């Protein structure tokens, strides 16, 4: 699957199938600190991702 990361900006290829939480662990990203988007939909950490999917991962940013 093609995974687009925004910080730092890069695109990586990752073999599926795997759950969102497995993908984040493989990329050394904290599950609670990132949003995972498949197509136009926000997905949960237990959703399965496949080789044909295009994924975007964004960090959670909060401010006051």
PDB file of N, CA and C in Angstrom:
ATOM      1  N   UNK A   1       0.847  -1.175   0.000  1.00  0.00           N
ATOM      2  CA  UNK A   1       0.000   0.000   0.000  1.00  0.00           C
ATOM      3  C   UNK A   1       0.889   1.232   0.000  1.00  0.00           C
ATOM      4  N   UNK A   2       0.368   2.299  -0.543  1.00  0.00           N
ATOM      5  CA  UNK A   2       1.097   3.560  -0.563  1.00  0.00           C
ATOM      6  C   UNK A   2       0.681   4.367   0.660  1.00  0.00           C
ATOM      7  N   UNK A   3       1.674   4.783   1.444  1.00  0.00           N
ATOM      8  CA  UNK A   3       1.411   5.517   2.679  1.00  0.00           C
ATOM      9  C   UNK A   3       2.072   6.887   2.581  1.00  0.00           C
ATOM     10  N   UNK A   4       1.262   7.923   2.693  1.00  0.00           N
ATOM     11  CA  UNK A   4       1.762   9.297   2.648  1.00  0.00           C
ATOM     12  C   UNK A   4       1.815   9.827   4.073  1.00  0.00           C
ATOM     13  N   UNK A   5       3.002  10.267   4.476  1.00  0.00           N
ATOM     14  CA  UNK A   5       3.199  10.846   5.814  1.00  0.00           C
ATOM     15  C   UNK A   5       3.467  12.334   5.649  1.00  0.00           C
ATOM     16  N   UNK A   6       2.989  13.125   6.617  1.00  0.00           N
ATOM     17  CA  UNK A   6       3.129  14.571   6.467  1.00  0.00           C
ATOM     18  C   UNK A   6       4.240  15.194   7.299  1.00  0.00           C
ATOM     19  N   UNK A   7       4.720  14.525   8.337  1.00  0.00           N
ATOM     20  CA  UNK A   7       5.788  15.109   9.169  1.00  0.00           C
ATOM     21  C   UNK A   7       6.819  14.063   9.525  1.00  0.00           C
ATOM     22  N   UNK A   8       7.957  13.988   8.875  1.00  0.00           N
ATOM     23  CA  UNK A   8       8.328  14.763   7.689  1.00  0.00           C
ATOM     24  C   UNK A   8       7.607  14.234   6.457  1.00  0.00           C
ATOM     25  N   UNK A   9       7.441  15.101   5.467  1.00  0.00           N
ATOM     26  CA  UNK A   9       6.713  14.741   4.249  1.00  0.00           C
ATOM     27  C   UNK A   9       7.484  13.677   3.476  1.00  0.00           C
ATOM     28  N   UNK A  10       6.819  12.528   3.292  1.00  0.00           N
ATOM     29  CA  UNK A  10       7.413  11.446   2.507  1.00  0.00           C
ATOM     30  C   UNK A  10       6.324  10.439   2.177  1.00  0.00           C
ATOM     31  N   UNK A  11       6.602   9.599   1.176  1.00  0.00           N
ATOM     32  CA  UNK A  11       5.697   8.523   0.800  1.00  0.00           C
ATOM     33  C   UNK A  11       6.473   7.224   0.864  1.00  0.00           C
ATOM     34  N   UNK A  12       5.868   6.204   1.478  1.00  0.00           N
ATOM     35  CA  UNK A  12       6.517   4.900   1.592  1.00  0.00           C
ATOM     36  C   UNK A  12       5.557   3.820   1.108  1.00  0.00           C
ATOM     37  N   UNK A  13       6.128   2.704   0.646  1.00  0.00           N
ATOM     38  CA  UNK A  13       5.348   1.528   0.261  1.00  0.00           C
ATOM     39  C   UNK A  13       5.442   0.514   1.386  1.00  0.00           C
ATOM     40  N   UNK A  14       4.304  -0.019   1.798  1.00  0.00           N
ATOM     41  CA  UNK A  14       4.249  -0.995   2.884  1.00  0.00           C
ATOM     42  C   UNK A  14       3.397  -2.168   2.409  1.00  0.00           C
ATOM     43  N   UNK A  15       3.844  -3.376   2.703  1.00  0.00           N
ATOM     44  CA  UNK A  15       3.093  -4.578   2.332  1.00  0.00           C
ATOM     45  C   UNK A  15       1.915  -4.789   3.275  1.00  0.00           C
ATOM     46  N   UNK A  16       0.778  -5.151   2.712  1.00  0.00           N
ATOM     47  CA  UNK A  16      -0.399  -5.502   3.490  1.00  0.00           C
ATOM     48  C   UNK A  16      -0.674  -6.976   3.298  1.00  0.00           C
ATOM     49  N   UNK A  17      -1.727  -7.490   3.847  1.00  0.00           N
ATOM     50  CA  UNK A  17      -2.673  -6.765   4.695  1.00  0.00           C
ATOM     51  C   UNK A  17      -2.157  -6.636   6.115  1.00  0.00           C
ATOM     52  N   UNK A  18      -2.597  -5.590   6.781  1.00  0.00           N
ATOM     53  CA  UNK A  18      -2.283  -5.398   8.201  1.00  0.00           C
ATOM     54  C   UNK A  18      -3.249  -4.397   8.796  1.00  0.00           C
ATOM     55  N   UNK A  19      -3.388  -4.460  10.102  1.00  0.00           N
ATOM     56  CA  UNK A  19      -4.244  -3.514  10.803  1.00  0.00           C
ATOM     57  C   UNK A  19      -3.543  -2.164  10.904  1.00  0.00           C
ATOM     58  N   UNK A  20      -4.342  -1.126  11.076  1.00  0.00           N
ATOM     59  CA  UNK A  20      -3.817   0.232  11.210  1.00  0.00           C
ATOM     60  C   UNK A  20      -2.772   0.294  12.319  1.00  0.00           C
ATOM     61  N   UNK A  21      -3.075  -0.293  13.482  1.00  0.00           N
ATOM     62  CA  UNK A  21      -2.124  -0.223  14.595  1.00  0.00           C
ATOM     63  C   UNK A  21      -0.817  -0.938  14.266  1.00  0.00           C
ATOM     64  N   UNK A  22      -0.851  -1.996  13.458  1.00  0.00           N
ATOM     65  CA  UNK A  22       0.375  -2.685  13.036  1.00  0.00           C
ATOM     66  C   UNK A  22       1.185  -1.805  12.092  1.00  0.00           C
ATOM     67  N   UNK A  23       0.492  -1.102  11.191  1.00  0.00           N
ATOM     68  CA  UNK A  23       1.164  -0.181  10.272  1.00  0.00           C
ATOM     69  C   UNK A  23       1.874   0.917  11.051  1.00  0.00           C
ATOM     70  N   UNK A  24       1.185   1.516  12.015  1.00  0.00           N
ATOM     71  CA  UNK A  24       1.792   2.592  12.798  1.00  0.00           C
ATOM     72  C   UNK A  24       3.001   2.090  13.583  1.00  0.00           C
ATOM     73  N   UNK A  25       2.894   0.913  14.169  1.00  0.00           N
ATOM     74  CA  UNK A  25       4.039   0.338  14.895  1.00  0.00           C
ATOM     75  C   UNK A  25       5.221   0.113  13.957  1.00  0.00           C
ATOM     76  N   UNK A  26       4.938  -0.418  12.762  1.00  0.00           N
ATOM     77  CA  UNK A  26       6.001  -0.671  11.783  1.00  0.00           C
ATOM     78  C   UNK A  26       6.721   0.615  11.394  1.00  0.00           C
ATOM     79  N   UNK A  27       5.981   1.720  11.369  1.00  0.00           N
ATOM     80  CA  UNK A  27       6.559   3.020  11.010  1.00  0.00           C
ATOM     81  C   UNK A  27       7.070   3.785  12.231  1.00  0.00           C
ATOM     82  N   UNK A  28       7.066   3.125  13.396  1.00  0.00           N
ATOM     83  CA  UNK A  28       7.516   3.739  14.651  1.00  0.00           C
ATOM     84  C   UNK A  28       6.730   4.999  15.003  1.00  0.00           C
ATOM     85  N   UNK A  29       5.406   4.922  14.823  1.00  0.00           N
ATOM     86  CA  UNK A  29       4.520   6.035  15.141  1.00  0.00           C
ATOM     87  C   UNK A  29       3.583   5.623  16.276  1.00  0.00           C
ATOM     88  N   UNK A  30       3.268   6.559  17.150  1.00  0.00           N
ATOM     89  CA  UNK A  30       2.385   6.305  18.288  1.00  0.00           C
ATOM     90  C   UNK A  30       0.931   6.333  17.809  1.00  0.00           C
ATOM     91  N   UNK A  31       0.188   5.271  18.095  1.00  0.00           N
ATOM     92  CA  UNK A  31      -1.201   5.148  17.646  1.00  0.00           C
ATOM     93  C   UNK A  31      -2.034   6.344  18.091  1.00  0.00           C
ATOM     94  N   UNK A  32      -1.935   6.722  19.358  1.00  0.00           N
ATOM     95  CA  UNK A  32      -2.755   7.808  19.908  1.00  0.00           C
ATOM     96  C   UNK A  32      -2.372   9.187  19.380  1.00  0.00           C
ATOM     97  N   UNK A  33      -1.241   9.312  18.740  1.00  0.00           N
ATOM     98  CA  UNK A  33      -0.760  10.615  18.287  1.00  0.00           C
ATOM     99  C   UNK A  33      -0.924  10.838  16.784  1.00  0.00           C
ATOM    100  N   UNK A  34      -1.617   9.897  16.092  1.00  0.00           N
ATOM    101  CA  UNK A  34      -1.745  10.010  14.639  1.00  0.00           C
ATOM    102  C   UNK A  34      -3.147   9.663  14.164  1.00  0.00           C
ATOM    103  N   UNK A  35      -3.565  10.351  13.105  1.00  0.00           N
ATOM    104  CA  UNK A  35      -4.821  10.054  12.425  1.00  0.00           C
ATOM    105  C   UNK A  35      -4.478   9.310  11.145  1.00  0.00           C
ATOM    106  N   UNK A  36      -5.250   8.268  10.845  1.00  0.00           N
ATOM    107  CA  UNK A  36      -5.022   7.487   9.632  1.00  0.00           C
ATOM    108  C   UNK A  36      -6.253   7.630   8.746  1.00  0.00           C
ATOM    109  N   UNK A  37      -6.008   8.022   7.492  1.00  0.00           N
ATOM    110  CA  UNK A  37      -7.081   8.293   6.545  1.00  0.00           C
ATOM    111  C   UNK A  37      -6.917   7.365   5.349  1.00  0.00           C
ATOM    112  N   UNK A  38      -8.002   6.655   5.014  1.00  0.00           N
ATOM    113  CA  UNK A  38      -8.025   5.782   3.834  1.00  0.00           C
ATOM    114  C   UNK A  38      -9.037   6.374   2.874  1.00  0.00           C
ATOM    115  N   UNK A  39      -8.563   6.839   1.716  1.00  0.00           N
ATOM    116  CA  UNK A  39      -9.452   7.553   0.799  1.00  0.00           C
ATOM    117  C   UNK A  39      -9.868   8.853   1.450  1.00  0.00           C
ATOM    118  N   UNK A  40     -11.167   9.009   1.685  1.00  0.00           N
ATOM    119  CA  UNK A  40     -11.687  10.204   2.361  1.00  0.00           C
ATOM    120  C   UNK A  40     -12.167   9.901   3.772  1.00  0.00           C
ATOM    121  N   UNK A  41     -11.880   8.687   4.259  1.00  0.00           N
ATOM    122  CA  UNK A  41     -12.431   8.250   5.539  1.00  0.00           C
ATOM    123  C   UNK A  41     -11.367   8.077   6.611  1.00  0.00           C
ATOM    124  N   UNK A  42     -11.667   8.583   7.789  1.00  0.00           N
ATOM    125  CA  UNK A  42     -10.836   8.351   8.964  1.00  0.00           C
ATOM    126  C   UNK A  42     -11.071   6.913   9.410  1.00  0.00           C
ATOM    127  N   UNK A  43     -10.000   6.165   9.686  1.00  0.00           N
ATOM    128  CA  UNK A  43     -10.152   4.757  10.063  1.00  0.00           C
ATOM    129  C   UNK A  43      -9.642   4.521  11.481  1.00  0.00           C
ATOM    130  N   UNK A  44     -10.165   3.464  12.104  1.00  0.00           N
ATOM    131  CA  UNK A  44      -9.781   3.118  13.469  1.00  0.00           C
ATOM    132  C   UNK A  44      -8.549   2.224  13.461  1.00  0.00           C
ATOM    133  N   UNK A  45      -7.950   2.052  14.622  1.00  0.00           N
ATOM    134  CA  UNK A  45      -6.713   1.279  14.727  1.00  0.00           C
ATOM    135  C   UNK A  45      -6.897  -0.203  14.425  1.00  0.00           C
ATOM    136  N   UNK A  46      -8.124  -0.721  14.480  1.00  0.00           N
ATOM    137  CA  UNK A  46      -8.372  -2.139  14.216  1.00  0.00           C
ATOM    138  C   UNK A  46      -8.792  -2.432  12.777  1.00  0.00           C
ATOM    139  N   UNK A  47      -8.918  -1.407  11.947  1.00  0.00           N
ATOM    140  CA  UNK A  47      -9.326  -1.618  10.556  1.00  0.00           C
ATOM    141  C   UNK A  47      -8.186  -2.246   9.755  1.00  0.00           C
ATOM    142  N   UNK A  48      -8.554  -3.165   8.857  1.00  0.00           N
ATOM    143  CA  UNK A  48      -7.567  -3.820   7.997  1.00  0.00           C
ATOM    144  C   UNK A  48      -7.252  -2.936   6.800  1.00  0.00           C
ATOM    145  N   UNK A  49      -5.978  -2.902   6.450  1.00  0.00           N
ATOM    146  CA  UNK A  49      -5.502  -2.171   5.282  1.00  0.00           C
ATOM    147  C   UNK A  49      -4.896  -3.181   4.309  1.00  0.00           C
ATOM    148  N   UNK A  50      -5.076  -2.931   3.014  1.00  0.00           N
ATOM    149  CA  UNK A  50      -4.629  -3.869   1.983  1.00  0.00           C
ATOM    150  C   UNK A  50      -3.690  -3.181   1.000  1.00  0.00           C
ATOM    151  N   UNK A  51      -2.989  -3.986   0.198  1.00  0.00           N
ATOM    152  CA  UNK A  51      -1.992  -3.465  -0.735  1.00  0.00           C
ATOM    153  C   UNK A  51      -2.553  -2.414  -1.692  1.00  0.00           C
ATOM    154  N   UNK A  52      -3.825  -2.498  -2.042  1.00  0.00           N
ATOM    155  CA  UNK A  52      -4.413  -1.560  -3.002  1.00  0.00           C
ATOM    156  C   UNK A  52      -4.801  -0.222  -2.372  1.00  0.00           C
ATOM    157  N   UNK A  53      -4.746  -0.130  -1.042  1.00  0.00           N
ATOM    158  CA  UNK A  53      -5.185   1.083  -0.346  1.00  0.00           C
ATOM    159  C   UNK A  53      -4.159   2.206  -0.454  1.00  0.00           C
ATOM    160  N   UNK A  54      -4.674   3.427  -0.490  1.00  0.00           N
ATOM    161  CA  UNK A  54      -3.833   4.615  -0.381  1.00  0.00           C
ATOM    162  C   UNK A  54      -4.158   5.254   0.959  1.00  0.00           C
ATOM    163  N   UNK A  55      -3.118   5.410   1.760  1.00  0.00           N
ATOM    164  CA  UNK A  55      -3.266   5.826   3.150  1.00  0.00           C
ATOM    165  C   UNK A  55      -2.536   7.144   3.376  1.00  0.00           C
ATOM    166  N   UNK A  56      -3.133   7.992   4.192  1.00  0.00           N
ATOM    167  CA  UNK A  56      -2.460   9.216   4.632  1.00  0.00           C
ATOM    168  C   UNK A  56      -2.408   9.185   6.155  1.00  0.00           C
ATOM    169  N   UNK A  57      -1.249   9.519   6.704  1.00  0.00           N
ATOM    170  CA  UNK A  57      -1.088   9.564   8.154  1.00  0.00           C
ATOM    171  C   UNK A  57      -0.730  10.990   8.546  1.00  0.00           C
ATOM    172  N   UNK A  58      -1.540  11.548   9.459  1.00  0.00           N
ATOM    173  CA  UNK A  58      -1.314  12.915   9.935  1.00  0.00           C
ATOM    174  C   UNK A  58      -1.133  12.900  11.445  1.00  0.00           C
ATOM    175  N   UNK A  59      -0.219  13.716  11.945  1.00  0.00           N
ATOM    176  CA  UNK A  59      -0.085  13.817  13.403  1.00  0.00           C
ATOM    177  C   UNK A  59      -1.266  14.591  13.984  1.00  0.00           C
ATOM    178  N   UNK A  60      -1.651  14.229  15.193  1.00  0.00           N
ATOM    179  CA  UNK A  60      -2.692  14.968  15.908  1.00  0.00           C
ATOM    180  C   UNK A  60      -2.037  16.225  16.460  1.00  0.00           C
ATOM    181  N   UNK A  61      -2.645  17.368  16.168  1.00  0.00           N
ATOM    182  CA  UNK A  61      -2.101  18.646  16.634  1.00  0.00           C
ATOM    183  C   UNK A  61      -3.183  19.341  17.447  1.00  0.00           C
ATOM    184  N   UNK A  62      -2.819  19.763  18.637  1.00  0.00           N
ATOM    185  CA  UNK A  62      -3.786  20.489  19.461  1.00  0.00           C
ATOM    186  C   UNK A  62      -3.182  21.823  19.864  1.00  0.00           C
ATOM    187  N   UNK A  63      -4.030  22.744  20.104  1.00  0.00           N
ATOM    188  CA  UNK A  63      -3.560  24.068  20.500  1.00  0.00           C
ATOM    189  C   UNK A  63      -4.571  24.713  21.433  1.00  0.00           C
ATOM    190  N   UNK A  64      -4.151  25.799  22.009  1.00  0.00           N
ATOM    191  CA  UNK A  64      -5.050  26.438  22.954  1.00  0.00           C
ATOM    192  C   UNK A  64      -5.235  27.885  22.688  1.00  0.00           C
TER     193      UNK A  64
END
